[in-house]
């Protein structure tokens, strides 16, 4: 059995989310940025960079449009990192990614506000209207803070370039709604994958135990 974990986040962000002390020794593969930055045994393999698809001018246009859009939003608060530029994608957070002692309270406030007002979904819709004619981009809403913009077909299903030699592939994710098409949907629904929709870590653990132990 081989175990891999995948996220749109960077390696640093992933290791923090996995408990801080978690290392490459715990996973056969760590797929960062939808597998654009993939580590096997602690070594980076087959890295991809979106600048091979998008020109610098196009990327700057996307960022400038996003910042202008966010500036006009009337939100409960704005602070922290609004644009997180990564190798394989651009993560955009309308309210900003932030830390500190008020993190939990503010994040809860933002999640509630976004659910009631569909801020991220509306921004993605407006971006598709603005940049859809390029025929180069895809969007996906994941997590609670923001959404990702990346070259077409560079969603999480990109990981399957590493899984061709595996007989069975099991995928666990929480953003699997067939209507919203969250960031887990591409792998969850992939023809080569047995997809499982989970509510959290404990739910995942119970399913894994029932399947393999």
C-alpha atoms as a PDB file:
ATOM      1  CA  UNK A   1       0.000   0.000   0.000  1.00  0.00           C
ATOM      2  CA  UNK A   2       1.198   3.516  -0.844  1.00  0.00           C
ATOM      3  CA  UNK A   3      -0.128   6.616   0.920  1.00  0.00           C
ATOM      4  CA  UNK A   4      -0.222  10.106  -0.527  1.00  0.00           C
ATOM      5  CA  UNK A   5      -1.710  13.401   0.581  1.00  0.00           C
ATOM      6  CA  UNK A   6      -2.717  16.166  -1.822  1.00  0.00           C
ATOM      7  CA  UNK A   7      -3.513  19.869  -1.431  1.00  0.00           C
ATOM      8  CA  UNK A   8      -3.449  23.137  -3.320  1.00  0.00           C
ATOM      9  CA  UNK A   9      -1.133  24.458  -0.620  1.00  0.00           C
ATOM     10  CA  UNK A  10       2.652  24.694  -0.591  1.00  0.00           C
ATOM     11  CA  UNK A  11       4.827  22.116   1.178  1.00  0.00           C
ATOM     12  CA  UNK A  12       5.228  24.448   4.157  1.00  0.00           C
ATOM     13  CA  UNK A  13       1.479  25.003   4.445  1.00  0.00           C
ATOM     14  CA  UNK A  14       0.749  21.302   4.121  1.00  0.00           C
ATOM     15  CA  UNK A  15       3.166  20.203   6.822  1.00  0.00           C
ATOM     16  CA  UNK A  16       1.665  22.746   9.227  1.00  0.00           C
ATOM     17  CA  UNK A  17      -1.878  21.556   8.450  1.00  0.00           C
ATOM     18  CA  UNK A  18      -0.799  17.962   8.997  1.00  0.00           C
ATOM     19  CA  UNK A  19       0.351  18.703  12.522  1.00  0.00           C
ATOM     20  CA  UNK A  20       3.654  20.515  12.185  1.00  0.00           C
ATOM     21  CA  UNK A  21       5.769  17.525  13.156  1.00  0.00           C
ATOM     22  CA  UNK A  22       4.591  15.378  10.258  1.00  0.00           C
ATOM     23  CA  UNK A  23       7.388  14.681   7.779  1.00  0.00           C
ATOM     24  CA  UNK A  24       7.939  12.921   4.477  1.00  0.00           C
ATOM     25  CA  UNK A  25       8.522   9.723   6.441  1.00  0.00           C
ATOM     26  CA  UNK A  26       4.783   9.465   7.091  1.00  0.00           C
ATOM     27  CA  UNK A  27       3.765   9.540   3.417  1.00  0.00           C
ATOM     28  CA  UNK A  28       5.060   7.945   0.244  1.00  0.00           C
ATOM     29  CA  UNK A  29       3.961  11.022  -1.702  1.00  0.00           C
ATOM     30  CA  UNK A  30       3.190  14.602  -0.726  1.00  0.00           C
ATOM     31  CA  UNK A  31       1.375  16.288  -3.596  1.00  0.00           C
ATOM     32  CA  UNK A  32       1.558  20.066  -3.176  1.00  0.00           C
ATOM     33  CA  UNK A  33      -0.153  22.675  -5.335  1.00  0.00           C
ATOM     34  CA  UNK A  34      -2.373  20.031  -6.977  1.00  0.00           C
ATOM     35  CA  UNK A  35       0.784  17.912  -7.527  1.00  0.00           C
ATOM     36  CA  UNK A  36       2.709  20.616  -9.419  1.00  0.00           C
ATOM     37  CA  UNK A  37       5.200  20.299  -6.570  1.00  0.00           C
ATOM     38  CA  UNK A  38       5.404  16.604  -5.674  1.00  0.00           C
ATOM     39  CA  UNK A  39       7.721  15.022  -3.121  1.00  0.00           C
ATOM     40  CA  UNK A  40       8.586  11.351  -3.011  1.00  0.00           C
ATOM     41  CA  UNK A  41      10.859  10.310  -0.184  1.00  0.00           C
ATOM     42  CA  UNK A  42      11.567  13.969   0.493  1.00  0.00           C
ATOM     43  CA  UNK A  43      12.735  14.640  -3.073  1.00  0.00           C
ATOM     44  CA  UNK A  44      10.986  16.930  -5.536  1.00  0.00           C
ATOM     45  CA  UNK A  45       9.920  15.073  -8.697  1.00  0.00           C
ATOM     46  CA  UNK A  46       8.516  16.320 -12.025  1.00  0.00           C
ATOM     47  CA  UNK A  47       7.823  19.928 -10.928  1.00  0.00           C
ATOM     48  CA  UNK A  48       5.486  22.095 -13.015  1.00  0.00           C
ATOM     49  CA  UNK A  49       5.268  25.885 -13.198  1.00  0.00           C
ATOM     50  CA  UNK A  50       2.256  27.768 -14.542  1.00  0.00           C
ATOM     51  CA  UNK A  51       4.576  30.291 -16.208  1.00  0.00           C
ATOM     52  CA  UNK A  52       5.052  27.695 -18.961  1.00  0.00           C
ATOM     53  CA  UNK A  53       1.350  28.187 -19.792  1.00  0.00           C
ATOM     54  CA  UNK A  54       0.657  31.799 -18.824  1.00  0.00           C
ATOM     55  CA  UNK A  55       2.800  34.790 -19.757  1.00  0.00           C
ATOM     56  CA  UNK A  56       3.998  37.128 -17.044  1.00  0.00           C
ATOM     57  CA  UNK A  57       1.794  39.868 -18.481  1.00  0.00           C
ATOM     58  CA  UNK A  58      -1.268  37.603 -18.244  1.00  0.00           C
ATOM     59  CA  UNK A  59      -0.483  36.685 -14.655  1.00  0.00           C
ATOM     60  CA  UNK A  60      -0.056  40.333 -13.693  1.00  0.00           C
ATOM     61  CA  UNK A  61      -3.375  41.157 -15.369  1.00  0.00           C
ATOM     62  CA  UNK A  62      -5.117  38.458 -13.308  1.00  0.00           C
ATOM     63  CA  UNK A  63      -3.556  39.745 -10.080  1.00  0.00           C
ATOM     64  CA  UNK A  64      -4.320  43.403 -10.831  1.00  0.00           C
ATOM     65  CA  UNK A  65      -7.940  42.614 -11.669  1.00  0.00           C
ATOM     66  CA  UNK A  66      -8.302  40.567  -8.479  1.00  0.00           C
ATOM     67  CA  UNK A  67      -6.869  43.274  -6.219  1.00  0.00           C
ATOM     68  CA  UNK A  68      -9.112  45.922  -7.773  1.00  0.00           C
ATOM     69  CA  UNK A  69     -12.127  43.637  -7.348  1.00  0.00           C
ATOM     70  CA  UNK A  70     -11.324  42.893  -3.706  1.00  0.00           C
ATOM     71  CA  UNK A  71     -10.803  46.606  -2.987  1.00  0.00           C
ATOM     72  CA  UNK A  72     -14.424  47.256  -3.960  1.00  0.00           C
ATOM     73  CA  UNK A  73     -15.904  44.453  -1.825  1.00  0.00           C
ATOM     74  CA  UNK A  74     -17.747  45.442   1.336  1.00  0.00           C
ATOM     75  CA  UNK A  75     -16.635  42.742   3.791  1.00  0.00           C
ATOM     76  CA  UNK A  76     -16.676  42.476   7.617  1.00  0.00           C
ATOM     77  CA  UNK A  77     -12.874  42.733   7.582  1.00  0.00           C
ATOM     78  CA  UNK A  78      -9.864  42.604   5.259  1.00  0.00           C
ATOM     79  CA  UNK A  79      -6.382  41.723   6.434  1.00  0.00           C
ATOM     80  CA  UNK A  80      -3.435  39.495   5.677  1.00  0.00           C
ATOM     81  CA  UNK A  81      -2.533  37.830   2.392  1.00  0.00           C
ATOM     82  CA  UNK A  82      -4.983  38.391  -0.463  1.00  0.00           C
ATOM     83  CA  UNK A  83      -2.898  36.939  -3.309  1.00  0.00           C
ATOM     84  CA  UNK A  84      -0.777  33.842  -2.713  1.00  0.00           C
ATOM     85  CA  UNK A  85       1.331  33.278  -5.830  1.00  0.00           C
ATOM     86  CA  UNK A  86       2.502  29.675  -6.078  1.00  0.00           C
ATOM     87  CA  UNK A  87       4.287  27.565  -8.693  1.00  0.00           C
ATOM     88  CA  UNK A  88       1.175  25.886 -10.049  1.00  0.00           C
ATOM     89  CA  UNK A  89      -1.662  28.237  -9.109  1.00  0.00           C
ATOM     90  CA  UNK A  90      -2.746  31.581  -7.703  1.00  0.00           C
ATOM     91  CA  UNK A  91      -4.754  31.414  -4.482  1.00  0.00           C
ATOM     92  CA  UNK A  92      -7.041  34.404  -3.993  1.00  0.00           C
ATOM     93  CA  UNK A  93      -8.575  35.229  -0.602  1.00  0.00           C
ATOM     94  CA  UNK A  94     -11.165  38.049  -0.696  1.00  0.00           C
ATOM     95  CA  UNK A  95     -10.928  38.630   3.070  1.00  0.00           C
ATOM     96  CA  UNK A  96      -7.206  37.841   3.237  1.00  0.00           C
ATOM     97  CA  UNK A  97      -5.369  34.990   4.939  1.00  0.00           C
ATOM     98  CA  UNK A  98      -4.345  35.975   8.442  1.00  0.00           C
ATOM     99  CA  UNK A  99      -3.031  34.680  11.745  1.00  0.00           C
ATOM    100  CA  UNK A 100      -2.881  35.735  15.373  1.00  0.00           C
ATOM    101  CA  UNK A 101      -4.997  35.268  18.457  1.00  0.00           C
ATOM    102  CA  UNK A 102      -8.254  36.227  16.724  1.00  0.00           C
ATOM    103  CA  UNK A 103      -7.764  33.686  13.936  1.00  0.00           C
ATOM    104  CA  UNK A 104     -10.499  31.237  14.955  1.00  0.00           C
ATOM    105  CA  UNK A 105     -13.095  33.912  15.651  1.00  0.00           C
ATOM    106  CA  UNK A 106     -12.425  35.856  12.458  1.00  0.00           C
ATOM    107  CA  UNK A 107     -12.297  32.735  10.306  1.00  0.00           C
ATOM    108  CA  UNK A 108     -15.673  31.667  11.651  1.00  0.00           C
ATOM    109  CA  UNK A 109     -17.049  35.131  10.921  1.00  0.00           C
ATOM    110  CA  UNK A 110     -15.745  34.993   7.359  1.00  0.00           C
ATOM    111  CA  UNK A 111     -17.050  31.460   6.704  1.00  0.00           C
ATOM    112  CA  UNK A 112     -20.541  32.487   7.833  1.00  0.00           C
ATOM    113  CA  UNK A 113     -20.473  35.697   5.788  1.00  0.00           C
ATOM    114  CA  UNK A 114     -19.255  33.892   2.659  1.00  0.00           C
ATOM    115  CA  UNK A 115     -21.914  31.179   2.953  1.00  0.00           C
ATOM    116  CA  UNK A 116     -24.644  33.792   3.292  1.00  0.00           C
ATOM    117  CA  UNK A 117     -23.373  36.058   0.501  1.00  0.00           C
ATOM    118  CA  UNK A 118     -21.501  33.715  -1.883  1.00  0.00           C
ATOM    119  CA  UNK A 119     -18.579  36.111  -2.137  1.00  0.00           C
ATOM    120  CA  UNK A 120     -16.117  33.583  -3.530  1.00  0.00           C
ATOM    121  CA  UNK A 121     -18.575  31.992  -5.948  1.00  0.00           C
ATOM    122  CA  UNK A 122     -19.572  35.432  -7.285  1.00  0.00           C
ATOM    123  CA  UNK A 123     -15.941  36.496  -7.730  1.00  0.00           C
ATOM    124  CA  UNK A 124     -15.138  33.274  -9.585  1.00  0.00           C
ATOM    125  CA  UNK A 125     -18.157  33.834 -11.840  1.00  0.00           C
ATOM    126  CA  UNK A 126     -17.031  37.379 -12.612  1.00  0.00           C
ATOM    127  CA  UNK A 127     -13.462  36.206 -13.286  1.00  0.00           C
ATOM    128  CA  UNK A 128     -14.729  33.585 -15.738  1.00  0.00           C
ATOM    129  CA  UNK A 129     -16.636  36.311 -17.567  1.00  0.00           C
ATOM    130  CA  UNK A 130     -13.504  38.481 -17.679  1.00  0.00           C
ATOM    131  CA  UNK A 131     -10.872  35.868 -18.537  1.00  0.00           C
ATOM    132  CA  UNK A 132     -12.839  32.935 -19.963  1.00  0.00           C
ATOM    133  CA  UNK A 133     -12.071  33.910 -23.553  1.00  0.00           C
ATOM    134  CA  UNK A 134      -8.387  33.147 -22.954  1.00  0.00           C
ATOM    135  CA  UNK A 135      -9.232  29.426 -22.867  1.00  0.00           C
ATOM    136  CA  UNK A 136      -6.267  28.949 -20.540  1.00  0.00           C
ATOM    137  CA  UNK A 137      -7.702  29.055 -17.030  1.00  0.00           C
ATOM    138  CA  UNK A 138      -9.690  26.992 -14.554  1.00  0.00           C
ATOM    139  CA  UNK A 139     -11.095  27.954 -11.167  1.00  0.00           C
ATOM    140  CA  UNK A 140     -12.011  25.968  -8.085  1.00  0.00           C
ATOM    141  CA  UNK A 141     -13.333  26.981  -4.676  1.00  0.00           C
ATOM    142  CA  UNK A 142     -11.631  25.014  -1.907  1.00  0.00           C
ATOM    143  CA  UNK A 143     -11.233  25.258   1.851  1.00  0.00           C
ATOM    144  CA  UNK A 144     -12.889  28.176   3.621  1.00  0.00           C
ATOM    145  CA  UNK A 145     -10.709  31.180   2.866  1.00  0.00           C
ATOM    146  CA  UNK A 146     -10.283  31.544  -0.881  1.00  0.00           C
ATOM    147  CA  UNK A 147     -10.234  29.943  -4.292  1.00  0.00           C
ATOM    148  CA  UNK A 148      -7.612  28.842  -6.799  1.00  0.00           C
ATOM    149  CA  UNK A 149      -6.902  29.981 -10.353  1.00  0.00           C
ATOM    150  CA  UNK A 150      -4.659  27.755 -12.470  1.00  0.00           C
ATOM    151  CA  UNK A 151      -4.001  26.591 -16.045  1.00  0.00           C
ATOM    152  CA  UNK A 152      -6.704  24.389 -17.552  1.00  0.00           C
ATOM    153  CA  UNK A 153      -6.573  20.756 -16.397  1.00  0.00           C
ATOM    154  CA  UNK A 154      -4.164  21.596 -13.573  1.00  0.00           C
ATOM    155  CA  UNK A 155      -6.721  20.713 -10.905  1.00  0.00           C
ATOM    156  CA  UNK A 156      -6.143  17.866  -8.435  1.00  0.00           C
ATOM    157  CA  UNK A 157      -6.702  15.265 -11.156  1.00  0.00           C
ATOM    158  CA  UNK A 158      -3.234  16.253 -12.390  1.00  0.00           C
ATOM    159  CA  UNK A 159      -1.975  13.864  -9.705  1.00  0.00           C
ATOM    160  CA  UNK A 160      -2.968  10.915 -11.864  1.00  0.00           C
ATOM    161  CA  UNK A 161       0.182  11.295 -13.935  1.00  0.00           C
ATOM    162  CA  UNK A 162       1.840   9.642 -10.923  1.00  0.00           C
ATOM    163  CA  UNK A 163      -0.751   6.891 -10.372  1.00  0.00           C
ATOM    164  CA  UNK A 164      -0.829   5.082 -13.723  1.00  0.00           C
ATOM    165  CA  UNK A 165       0.944   1.995 -12.350  1.00  0.00           C
ATOM    166  CA  UNK A 166      -1.393   1.514  -9.380  1.00  0.00           C
ATOM    167  CA  UNK A 167      -4.178  -1.035  -9.709  1.00  0.00           C
ATOM    168  CA  UNK A 168      -6.564   0.617  -7.230  1.00  0.00           C
ATOM    169  CA  UNK A 169      -6.674   4.244  -6.177  1.00  0.00           C
ATOM    170  CA  UNK A 170      -8.745   5.395  -3.189  1.00  0.00           C
ATOM    171  CA  UNK A 171      -9.438   9.083  -2.707  1.00  0.00           C
ATOM    172  CA  UNK A 172     -10.884  10.821   0.357  1.00  0.00           C
ATOM    173  CA  UNK A 173     -12.084  14.426   0.285  1.00  0.00           C
ATOM    174  CA  UNK A 174     -14.699  16.768   1.732  1.00  0.00           C
ATOM    175  CA  UNK A 175     -15.241  19.200  -1.168  1.00  0.00           C
ATOM    176  CA  UNK A 176     -16.987  16.642  -3.396  1.00  0.00           C
ATOM    177  CA  UNK A 177     -20.375  18.201  -4.131  1.00  0.00           C
ATOM    178  CA  UNK A 178     -21.293  17.481  -7.792  1.00  0.00           C
ATOM    179  CA  UNK A 179     -22.960  20.885  -8.183  1.00  0.00           C
ATOM    180  CA  UNK A 180     -20.400  23.138  -6.494  1.00  0.00           C
ATOM    181  CA  UNK A 181     -17.499  21.118  -7.971  1.00  0.00           C
ATOM    182  CA  UNK A 182     -15.076  21.916  -5.136  1.00  0.00           C
ATOM    183  CA  UNK A 183     -11.366  21.186  -5.246  1.00  0.00           C
ATOM    184  CA  UNK A 184     -11.826  17.487  -4.357  1.00  0.00           C
ATOM    185  CA  UNK A 185     -14.346  16.787  -7.102  1.00  0.00           C
ATOM    186  CA  UNK A 186     -11.838  16.156  -9.957  1.00  0.00           C
ATOM    187  CA  UNK A 187     -10.147  13.291  -8.076  1.00  0.00           C
ATOM    188  CA  UNK A 188     -13.266  12.095  -6.286  1.00  0.00           C
ATOM    189  CA  UNK A 189     -15.119  11.634  -9.586  1.00  0.00           C
ATOM    190  CA  UNK A 190     -12.184  10.493 -11.728  1.00  0.00           C
ATOM    191  CA  UNK A 191     -12.800   7.294 -13.689  1.00  0.00           C
ATOM    192  CA  UNK A 192      -9.721   5.575 -12.218  1.00  0.00           C
ATOM    193  CA  UNK A 193     -10.551   6.413  -8.597  1.00  0.00           C
ATOM    194  CA  UNK A 194     -12.707   4.962  -5.845  1.00  0.00           C
ATOM    195  CA  UNK A 195     -13.924   8.231  -4.335  1.00  0.00           C
ATOM    196  CA  UNK A 196     -15.123   8.689  -0.753  1.00  0.00           C
ATOM    197  CA  UNK A 197     -16.783  11.844   0.549  1.00  0.00           C
ATOM    198  CA  UNK A 198     -15.747  12.563   4.143  1.00  0.00           C
ATOM    199  CA  UNK A 199     -16.698  15.117   6.785  1.00  0.00           C
ATOM    200  CA  UNK A 200     -13.338  15.331   8.551  1.00  0.00           C
ATOM    201  CA  UNK A 201     -10.276  13.430   9.824  1.00  0.00           C
ATOM    202  CA  UNK A 202     -12.190  11.092  12.150  1.00  0.00           C
ATOM    203  CA  UNK A 203     -14.632  10.177   9.385  1.00  0.00           C
ATOM    204  CA  UNK A 204     -11.702   9.456   7.063  1.00  0.00           C
ATOM    205  CA  UNK A 205     -10.027   7.283   9.691  1.00  0.00           C
ATOM    206  CA  UNK A 206     -13.176   5.206  10.225  1.00  0.00           C
ATOM    207  CA  UNK A 207     -13.586   4.570   6.501  1.00  0.00           C
ATOM    208  CA  UNK A 208      -9.921   3.640   6.115  1.00  0.00           C
ATOM    209  CA  UNK A 209     -10.171   1.181   9.013  1.00  0.00           C
ATOM    210  CA  UNK A 210     -13.240  -0.453   7.488  1.00  0.00           C
ATOM    211  CA  UNK A 211     -11.598  -0.713   4.080  1.00  0.00           C
ATOM    212  CA  UNK A 212      -8.110  -1.925   4.932  1.00  0.00           C
ATOM    213  CA  UNK A 213      -7.942  -3.159   8.524  1.00  0.00           C
END
